Amino acid sequence: MTESRSITLLALLLALDKPELNLKLEEREALRNTAQQLLLDPDDWNFIKEGLVGTIEANSILNSEYHDILSKLQTVGNIPSQTMPTQKELEAELPTENEEPESLGYFQGEDNEDSDEILNVTINVLNRKEPEKTVKNLSFIKRLKDLLLKNKIPD
């Protein structure tokens, strides 16, 4: 199954929340590079995804968690908009730094699986010094995990 950019990025953010995960400096740099590519040319997703998957696969804990979450997200289907982050929430949980893009969060309107809210929050998280710690401060990650638990499919 080919997953959308949003599902891939959500799976990454959720995988980064794994308590045992400690990224090496090189892995953080690779994720920061991915953030810069997403910021500059998000439409070149196939190229960006190839590098991102390589980074994920280089860390066994991240890789295992990512693939587990990705398969769960694919079975959930449409993610309710109230699960996604709001602008106000992200402004409080992800204070803007000079090098960070300003665009954050959920906009009012129709559900759009490929909206930029997920892209924007991913860019912001991956640009941080310790993305695996930053993601733990995001309340929408807990809401997404709760959604996945409600939709748990027996192994």
N, C-alpha and C. Protein backbone atom coordinates (compact mmCIF):
# COMPACT_ATOMS: atom_id res chain seq x y z
N MET A 1 0.84 -1.18 0.00
CA MET A 1 0.00 0.00 0.00
C MET A 1 0.89 1.24 0.00
N THR A 2 0.60 2.18 -0.87
CA THR A 2 1.34 3.43 -0.90
C THR A 2 0.65 4.41 0.03
N GLU A 3 1.38 4.85 1.02
CA GLU A 3 0.78 5.77 1.98
C GLU A 3 1.03 7.21 1.57
N SER A 4 0.16 8.08 2.02
CA SER A 4 0.29 9.49 1.70
C SER A 4 1.44 10.10 2.51
N ARG A 5 1.84 11.28 2.09
CA ARG A 5 2.88 12.01 2.81
C ARG A 5 2.45 12.22 4.26
N SER A 6 1.20 12.60 4.46
CA SER A 6 0.72 12.88 5.81
C SER A 6 0.79 11.65 6.72
N ILE A 7 0.39 10.51 6.21
CA ILE A 7 0.43 9.28 7.01
C ILE A 7 1.88 8.91 7.34
N THR A 8 2.77 9.05 6.37
CA THR A 8 4.18 8.77 6.60
C THR A 8 4.75 9.68 7.68
N LEU A 9 4.44 10.97 7.59
CA LEU A 9 4.97 11.94 8.56
C LEU A 9 4.35 11.74 9.95
N LEU A 10 3.07 11.42 10.00
CA LEU A 10 2.44 11.13 11.29
C LEU A 10 3.08 9.90 11.93
N ALA A 11 3.33 8.87 11.13
CA ALA A 11 3.97 7.66 11.65
C ALA A 11 5.35 7.99 12.20
N LEU A 12 6.08 8.86 11.51
CA LEU A 12 7.40 9.27 12.00
C LEU A 12 7.28 10.01 13.33
N LEU A 13 6.38 10.98 13.41
CA LEU A 13 6.21 11.74 14.65
C LEU A 13 5.83 10.83 15.81
N LEU A 14 4.92 9.91 15.57
CA LEU A 14 4.51 8.97 16.62
C LEU A 14 5.66 8.04 17.02
N ALA A 15 6.45 7.61 16.04
CA ALA A 15 7.59 6.74 16.32
C ALA A 15 8.66 7.47 17.13
N LEU A 16 8.82 8.76 16.86
CA LEU A 16 9.81 9.55 17.61
C LEU A 16 9.44 9.66 19.09
N ASP A 17 8.19 9.40 19.42
CA ASP A 17 7.72 9.48 20.80
C ASP A 17 8.06 8.23 21.62
N LYS A 18 8.64 7.24 21.00
CA LYS A 18 9.01 5.99 21.68
C LYS A 18 9.98 6.31 22.82
N PRO A 19 9.64 5.92 24.07
CA PRO A 19 10.49 6.29 25.22
C PRO A 19 11.94 5.83 25.12
N GLU A 20 12.18 4.65 24.57
CA GLU A 20 13.55 4.11 24.51
C GLU A 20 14.40 4.75 23.41
N LEU A 21 13.80 5.57 22.59
CA LEU A 21 14.50 6.10 21.42
C LEU A 21 15.49 7.20 21.81
N ASN A 22 16.73 7.02 21.42
CA ASN A 22 17.76 8.04 21.54
C ASN A 22 18.43 8.15 20.18
N LEU A 23 18.26 9.28 19.54
CA LEU A 23 18.85 9.47 18.22
C LEU A 23 20.31 9.89 18.34
N LYS A 24 21.12 9.40 17.41
CA LYS A 24 22.51 9.83 17.32
C LYS A 24 22.54 11.19 16.63
N LEU A 25 23.64 11.89 16.79
CA LEU A 25 23.80 13.20 16.17
C LEU A 25 23.60 13.13 14.66
N GLU A 26 24.14 12.09 14.02
CA GLU A 26 24.00 11.94 12.57
C GLU A 26 22.54 11.75 12.16
N GLU A 27 21.79 11.02 12.98
CA GLU A 27 20.38 10.79 12.69
C GLU A 27 19.58 12.08 12.84
N ARG A 28 19.92 12.86 13.86
CA ARG A 28 19.25 14.15 14.04
C ARG A 28 19.55 15.08 12.87
N GLU A 29 20.80 15.07 12.42
CA GLU A 29 21.18 15.89 11.27
C GLU A 29 20.43 15.45 10.01
N ALA A 30 20.29 14.15 9.83
CA ALA A 30 19.56 13.63 8.67
C ALA A 30 18.09 14.05 8.73
N LEU A 31 17.50 14.02 9.92
CA LEU A 31 16.11 14.45 10.07
C LEU A 31 15.98 15.96 9.84
N ARG A 32 16.96 16.72 10.30
CA ARG A 32 16.95 18.17 10.05
C ARG A 32 17.07 18.44 8.55
N ASN A 33 17.88 17.66 7.86
CA ASN A 33 18.01 17.79 6.41
C ASN A 33 16.67 17.48 5.73
N THR A 34 15.98 16.46 6.22
CA THR A 34 14.64 16.13 5.70
C THR A 34 13.70 17.31 5.91
N ALA A 35 13.75 17.93 7.08
CA ALA A 35 12.89 19.09 7.36
C ALA A 35 13.18 20.22 6.38
N GLN A 36 14.44 20.46 6.10
CA GLN A 36 14.80 21.53 5.16
C GLN A 36 14.30 21.21 3.75
N GLN A 37 14.41 19.95 3.35
CA GLN A 37 13.90 19.55 2.04
C GLN A 37 12.39 19.73 1.97
N LEU A 38 11.70 19.34 3.02
CA LEU A 38 10.24 19.49 3.06
C LEU A 38 9.84 20.96 3.02
N LEU A 39 10.62 21.80 3.66
CA LEU A 39 10.34 23.23 3.67
C LEU A 39 10.55 23.84 2.29
N LEU A 40 11.64 23.45 1.64
CA LEU A 40 11.99 24.04 0.34
C LEU A 40 11.18 23.49 -0.82
N ASP A 41 10.91 22.18 -0.81
CA ASP A 41 10.23 21.58 -1.95
C ASP A 41 9.38 20.38 -1.52
N PRO A 42 8.28 20.63 -0.82
CA PRO A 42 7.46 19.52 -0.33
C PRO A 42 6.86 18.67 -1.45
N ASP A 43 6.78 19.21 -2.66
CA ASP A 43 6.22 18.45 -3.77
C ASP A 43 7.17 17.38 -4.29
N ASP A 44 8.44 17.43 -3.89
CA ASP A 44 9.40 16.40 -4.30
C ASP A 44 9.39 15.26 -3.28
N TRP A 45 8.19 14.87 -2.90
CA TRP A 45 8.00 13.91 -1.82
C TRP A 45 8.68 12.57 -2.08
N ASN A 46 8.63 12.03 -3.28
CA ASN A 46 9.22 10.71 -3.52
C ASN A 46 10.72 10.71 -3.22
N PHE A 47 11.42 11.76 -3.63
CA PHE A 47 12.85 11.88 -3.36
C PHE A 47 13.09 12.04 -1.86
N ILE A 48 12.33 12.93 -1.23
CA ILE A 48 12.49 13.19 0.20
C ILE A 48 12.20 11.93 1.01
N LYS A 49 11.14 11.23 0.63
CA LYS A 49 10.75 10.02 1.36
C LYS A 49 11.85 8.96 1.30
N GLU A 50 12.50 8.86 0.16
CA GLU A 50 13.57 7.87 0.01
C GLU A 50 14.67 8.11 1.05
N GLY A 51 15.09 9.35 1.21
CA GLY A 51 16.10 9.68 2.21
C GLY A 51 15.59 9.50 3.63
N LEU A 52 14.34 9.88 3.86
CA LEU A 52 13.74 9.74 5.18
C LEU A 52 13.67 8.27 5.59
N VAL A 53 13.24 7.43 4.69
CA VAL A 53 13.14 5.99 4.99
C VAL A 53 14.53 5.43 5.30
N GLY A 54 15.55 5.89 4.58
CA GLY A 54 16.92 5.46 4.88
C GLY A 54 17.34 5.84 6.29
N THR A 55 16.98 7.04 6.70
CA THR A 55 17.28 7.51 8.06
C THR A 55 16.54 6.66 9.09
N ILE A 56 15.28 6.40 8.84
CA ILE A 56 14.47 5.59 9.76
C ILE A 56 15.05 4.19 9.88
N GLU A 57 15.40 3.59 8.75
CA GLU A 57 15.91 2.21 8.75
C GLU A 57 17.26 2.09 9.44
N ALA A 58 18.02 3.18 9.54
CA ALA A 58 19.33 3.14 10.18
C ALA A 58 19.24 2.99 11.70
N ASN A 59 18.07 3.23 12.27
CA ASN A 59 17.88 3.12 13.71
C ASN A 59 16.85 2.01 13.95
N SER A 60 17.29 0.90 14.51
CA SER A 60 16.41 -0.27 14.64
C SER A 60 15.16 0.02 15.48
N ILE A 61 15.30 0.78 16.56
CA ILE A 61 14.14 1.10 17.40
C ILE A 61 13.16 1.97 16.63
N LEU A 62 13.67 3.02 16.00
CA LEU A 62 12.82 3.92 15.22
C LEU A 62 12.15 3.16 14.07
N ASN A 63 12.91 2.31 13.39
CA ASN A 63 12.39 1.56 12.25
C ASN A 63 11.24 0.64 12.66
N SER A 64 11.44 -0.10 13.73
CA SER A 64 10.41 -1.02 14.21
C SER A 64 9.14 -0.27 14.61
N GLU A 65 9.31 0.79 15.39
CA GLU A 65 8.16 1.58 15.86
C GLU A 65 7.44 2.25 14.69
N TYR A 66 8.22 2.80 13.76
CA TYR A 66 7.65 3.48 12.59
C TYR A 66 6.76 2.53 11.78
N HIS A 67 7.27 1.34 11.48
CA HIS A 67 6.50 0.40 10.66
C HIS A 67 5.27 -0.11 11.39
N ASP A 68 5.38 -0.31 12.69
CA ASP A 68 4.23 -0.73 13.49
C ASP A 68 3.14 0.35 13.45
N ILE A 69 3.53 1.59 13.68
CA ILE A 69 2.56 2.69 13.69
C ILE A 69 2.01 2.94 12.30
N LEU A 70 2.85 2.85 11.28
CA LEU A 70 2.40 3.06 9.90
C LEU A 70 1.29 2.08 9.54
N SER A 71 1.47 0.82 9.90
CA SER A 71 0.42 -0.16 9.58
C SER A 71 -0.87 0.13 10.35
N LYS A 72 -0.75 0.60 11.58
CA LYS A 72 -1.94 0.96 12.36
C LYS A 72 -2.65 2.17 11.75
N LEU A 73 -1.88 3.17 11.35
CA LEU A 73 -2.48 4.37 10.74
C LEU A 73 -3.21 4.01 9.44
N GLN A 74 -2.66 3.07 8.70
CA GLN A 74 -3.28 2.67 7.44
C GLN A 74 -4.62 1.97 7.67
N THR A 75 -4.78 1.31 8.80
CA THR A 75 -6.04 0.63 9.09
C THR A 75 -7.09 1.57 9.67
N VAL A 76 -6.66 2.68 10.26
CA VAL A 76 -7.60 3.63 10.88
C VAL A 76 -8.47 4.30 9.84
N GLY A 77 -7.91 4.61 8.69
CA GLY A 77 -8.66 5.34 7.67
C GLY A 77 -8.55 6.83 7.89
N ASN A 78 -9.67 7.53 7.83
CA ASN A 78 -9.68 8.98 7.96
C ASN A 78 -9.48 9.38 9.42
N ILE A 79 -8.49 10.24 9.66
CA ILE A 79 -8.20 10.70 11.01
C ILE A 79 -9.07 11.93 11.29
N PRO A 80 -9.85 11.91 12.36
CA PRO A 80 -10.73 13.05 12.66
C PRO A 80 -9.94 14.34 12.87
N SER A 81 -10.47 15.44 12.37
CA SER A 81 -9.76 16.72 12.45
C SER A 81 -9.53 17.16 13.89
N GLN A 82 -10.42 16.80 14.81
CA GLN A 82 -10.24 17.20 16.20
C GLN A 82 -9.05 16.51 16.86
N THR A 83 -8.53 15.48 16.23
CA THR A 83 -7.34 14.80 16.73
C THR A 83 -6.08 15.59 16.38
N MET A 84 -6.14 16.37 15.32
CA MET A 84 -4.98 17.10 14.83
C MET A 84 -4.71 18.34 15.68
N PRO A 85 -3.48 18.85 15.60
CA PRO A 85 -3.12 20.01 16.43
C PRO A 85 -3.80 21.29 15.97
N THR A 86 -4.07 22.16 16.92
CA THR A 86 -4.60 23.48 16.59
C THR A 86 -3.46 24.48 16.58
N GLN A 87 -3.68 25.60 15.94
CA GLN A 87 -2.68 26.66 15.89
C GLN A 87 -2.29 27.10 17.31
N LYS A 88 -3.29 27.34 18.14
CA LYS A 88 -3.05 27.82 19.50
C LYS A 88 -2.25 26.80 20.31
N GLU A 89 -2.62 25.55 20.17
CA GLU A 89 -1.93 24.47 20.88
C GLU A 89 -0.45 24.41 20.49
N LEU A 90 -0.18 24.48 19.20
CA LEU A 90 1.20 24.38 18.73
C LEU A 90 2.02 25.61 19.09
N GLU A 91 1.39 26.76 19.10
CA GLU A 91 2.12 27.97 19.52
C GLU A 91 2.58 27.83 20.96
N ALA A 92 1.78 27.18 21.79
CA ALA A 92 2.15 26.97 23.19
C ALA A 92 3.17 25.84 23.35
N GLU A 93 3.02 24.78 22.56
CA GLU A 93 3.85 23.59 22.73
C GLU A 93 5.12 23.60 21.90
N LEU A 94 5.13 24.38 20.82
CA LEU A 94 6.30 24.48 19.94
C LEU A 94 6.65 25.95 19.74
N PRO A 95 7.20 26.59 20.74
CA PRO A 95 7.52 28.00 20.56
C PRO A 95 8.44 28.18 19.35
N THR A 96 8.16 29.20 18.58
CA THR A 96 8.92 29.46 17.36
C THR A 96 10.33 29.91 17.70
N GLU A 97 11.29 29.30 17.02
CA GLU A 97 12.69 29.71 17.11
C GLU A 97 13.02 30.42 15.81
N ASN A 98 14.08 31.16 15.78
CA ASN A 98 14.44 31.94 14.59
C ASN A 98 14.52 31.11 13.32
N GLU A 99 15.02 29.90 13.42
CA GLU A 99 15.20 29.08 12.23
C GLU A 99 13.96 28.29 11.85
N GLU A 100 12.90 28.42 12.60
CA GLU A 100 11.70 27.64 12.37
C GLU A 100 10.73 28.35 11.44
N PRO A 101 10.01 27.60 10.61
CA PRO A 101 8.94 28.20 9.82
C PRO A 101 7.81 28.67 10.73
N GLU A 102 7.10 29.67 10.32
CA GLU A 102 6.05 30.25 11.14
C GLU A 102 4.73 29.50 11.05
N SER A 103 4.48 28.81 9.96
CA SER A 103 3.19 28.18 9.73
C SER A 103 3.04 26.94 10.60
N LEU A 104 2.03 26.94 11.44
CA LEU A 104 1.79 25.82 12.34
C LEU A 104 0.32 25.50 12.42
N GLY A 105 0.01 24.23 12.61
CA GLY A 105 -1.29 23.83 13.09
C GLY A 105 -2.44 23.69 12.14
N TYR A 106 -3.54 23.39 12.74
CA TYR A 106 -4.79 23.09 12.06
C TYR A 106 -5.52 24.37 11.67
N PHE A 107 -6.09 24.36 10.49
CA PHE A 107 -6.90 25.49 10.05
C PHE A 107 -8.35 25.04 10.02
N GLN A 108 -9.28 25.97 10.24
CA GLN A 108 -10.69 25.63 10.18
C GLN A 108 -11.07 25.37 8.72
N GLY A 109 -11.80 24.34 8.50
CA GLY A 109 -12.23 24.00 7.15
C GLY A 109 -12.50 22.52 7.05
N GLU A 110 -12.63 22.04 5.84
CA GLU A 110 -12.92 20.63 5.62
C GLU A 110 -11.70 19.77 5.93
N ASP A 111 -11.96 18.52 6.32
CA ASP A 111 -10.87 17.57 6.55
C ASP A 111 -10.10 17.40 5.25
N ASN A 112 -8.80 17.38 5.36
CA ASN A 112 -7.94 17.18 4.21
C ASN A 112 -6.73 16.39 4.67
N GLU A 113 -6.71 15.12 4.31
CA GLU A 113 -5.65 14.24 4.76
C GLU A 113 -4.27 14.76 4.38
N ASP A 114 -4.15 15.42 3.26
CA ASP A 114 -2.86 15.90 2.80
C ASP A 114 -2.66 17.39 3.07
N SER A 115 -3.35 17.93 4.07
CA SER A 115 -3.19 19.35 4.37
C SER A 115 -1.80 19.62 4.91
N ASP A 116 -1.45 20.87 4.96
CA ASP A 116 -0.11 21.25 5.37
C ASP A 116 0.11 21.25 6.88
N GLU A 117 -0.93 21.05 7.67
CA GLU A 117 -0.76 21.07 9.12
C GLU A 117 0.24 20.01 9.57
N ILE A 118 0.17 18.83 9.01
CA ILE A 118 1.08 17.75 9.39
C ILE A 118 2.48 18.05 8.88
N LEU A 119 2.56 18.54 7.67
CA LEU A 119 3.85 18.93 7.10
C LEU A 119 4.51 20.00 7.96
N ASN A 120 3.76 21.02 8.33
CA ASN A 120 4.32 22.13 9.11
C ASN A 120 4.82 21.69 10.48
N VAL A 121 4.04 20.88 11.16
CA VAL A 121 4.47 20.45 12.49
C VAL A 121 5.67 19.52 12.38
N THR A 122 5.72 18.69 11.34
CA THR A 122 6.86 17.80 11.14
C THR A 122 8.13 18.61 10.89
N ILE A 123 8.04 19.61 10.04
CA ILE A 123 9.20 20.46 9.77
C ILE A 123 9.68 21.10 11.07
N ASN A 124 8.76 21.60 11.86
CA ASN A 124 9.13 22.24 13.12
C ASN A 124 9.78 21.26 14.09
N VAL A 125 9.25 20.07 14.21
CA VAL A 125 9.81 19.08 15.13
C VAL A 125 11.19 18.63 14.65
N LEU A 126 11.31 18.30 13.37
CA LEU A 126 12.58 17.77 12.86
C LEU A 126 13.69 18.82 12.87
N ASN A 127 13.33 20.08 12.86
CA ASN A 127 14.33 21.15 12.91
C ASN A 127 14.87 21.39 14.32
N ARG A 128 14.28 20.80 15.31
CA ARG A 128 14.72 20.99 16.70
C ARG A 128 15.99 20.19 16.98
N LYS A 129 16.71 20.59 18.02
CA LYS A 129 17.95 19.91 18.38
C LYS A 129 17.71 18.45 18.78
N GLU A 130 16.61 18.21 19.47
CA GLU A 130 16.27 16.86 19.91
C GLU A 130 14.82 16.56 19.57
N PRO A 131 14.55 16.19 18.31
CA PRO A 131 13.17 15.97 17.89
C PRO A 131 12.45 14.89 18.70
N GLU A 132 13.19 13.90 19.16
CA GLU A 132 12.57 12.81 19.93
C GLU A 132 12.11 13.32 21.30
N LYS A 133 12.66 14.40 21.80
CA LYS A 133 12.19 15.00 23.05
C LYS A 133 11.11 16.03 22.77
N THR A 134 11.25 16.77 21.70
CA THR A 134 10.27 17.79 21.33
C THR A 134 8.90 17.17 21.11
N VAL A 135 8.85 16.04 20.43
CA VAL A 135 7.57 15.42 20.09
C VAL A 135 6.80 14.99 21.34
N LYS A 136 7.51 14.74 22.42
CA LYS A 136 6.85 14.33 23.67
C LYS A 136 6.05 15.47 24.29
N ASN A 137 6.29 16.71 23.88
CA ASN A 137 5.56 17.87 24.39
C ASN A 137 4.27 18.16 23.62
N LEU A 138 4.01 17.42 22.57
CA LEU A 138 2.87 17.70 21.70
C LEU A 138 1.65 16.89 22.13
N SER A 139 0.62 17.59 22.58
CA SER A 139 -0.57 16.91 23.08
C SER A 139 -1.33 16.16 21.99
N PHE A 140 -1.22 16.60 20.74
CA PHE A 140 -1.94 15.89 19.68
C PHE A 140 -1.35 14.50 19.45
N ILE A 141 -0.09 14.29 19.82
CA ILE A 141 0.52 12.96 19.70
C ILE A 141 -0.21 11.99 20.63
N LYS A 142 -0.53 12.43 21.83
CA LYS A 142 -1.29 11.58 22.76
C LYS A 142 -2.68 11.28 22.19
N ARG A 143 -3.33 12.28 21.59
CA ARG A 143 -4.65 12.05 20.99
C ARG A 143 -4.56 11.03 19.86
N LEU A 144 -3.52 11.12 19.06
CA LEU A 144 -3.35 10.14 17.97
C LEU A 144 -3.10 8.74 18.52
N LYS A 145 -2.28 8.65 19.55
CA LYS A 145 -2.02 7.34 20.16
C LYS A 145 -3.31 6.75 20.74
N ASP A 146 -4.12 7.60 21.38
CA ASP A 146 -5.41 7.14 21.90
C ASP A 146 -6.30 6.64 20.77
N LEU A 147 -6.31 7.33 19.65
CA LEU A 147 -7.09 6.92 18.49
C LEU A 147 -6.62 5.55 17.99
N LEU A 148 -5.32 5.36 17.93
CA LEU A 148 -4.78 4.07 17.48
C LEU A 148 -5.14 2.95 18.46
N LEU A 149 -5.14 3.25 19.75
CA LEU A 149 -5.52 2.23 20.74
C LEU A 149 -6.99 1.84 20.62
N LYS A 150 -7.84 2.83 20.35
CA LYS A 150 -9.28 2.55 20.18
C LYS A 150 -9.53 1.67 18.96
N ASN A 151 -8.70 1.83 17.95
CA ASN A 151 -8.86 1.08 16.71
C ASN A 151 -7.93 -0.12 16.65
N LYS A 152 -7.46 -0.57 17.80
CA LYS A 152 -6.50 -1.67 17.84
C LYS A 152 -7.08 -2.92 17.20
N ILE A 153 -6.28 -3.48 16.33
CA ILE A 153 -6.65 -4.72 15.65
C ILE A 153 -5.79 -5.83 16.25
N PRO A 154 -6.39 -6.93 16.68
CA PRO A 154 -5.60 -8.02 17.27
C PRO A 154 -4.54 -8.51 16.29
N ASP A 155 -3.37 -8.86 16.85
CA ASP A 155 -2.27 -9.35 16.01
C ASP A 155 -2.55 -10.73 15.47
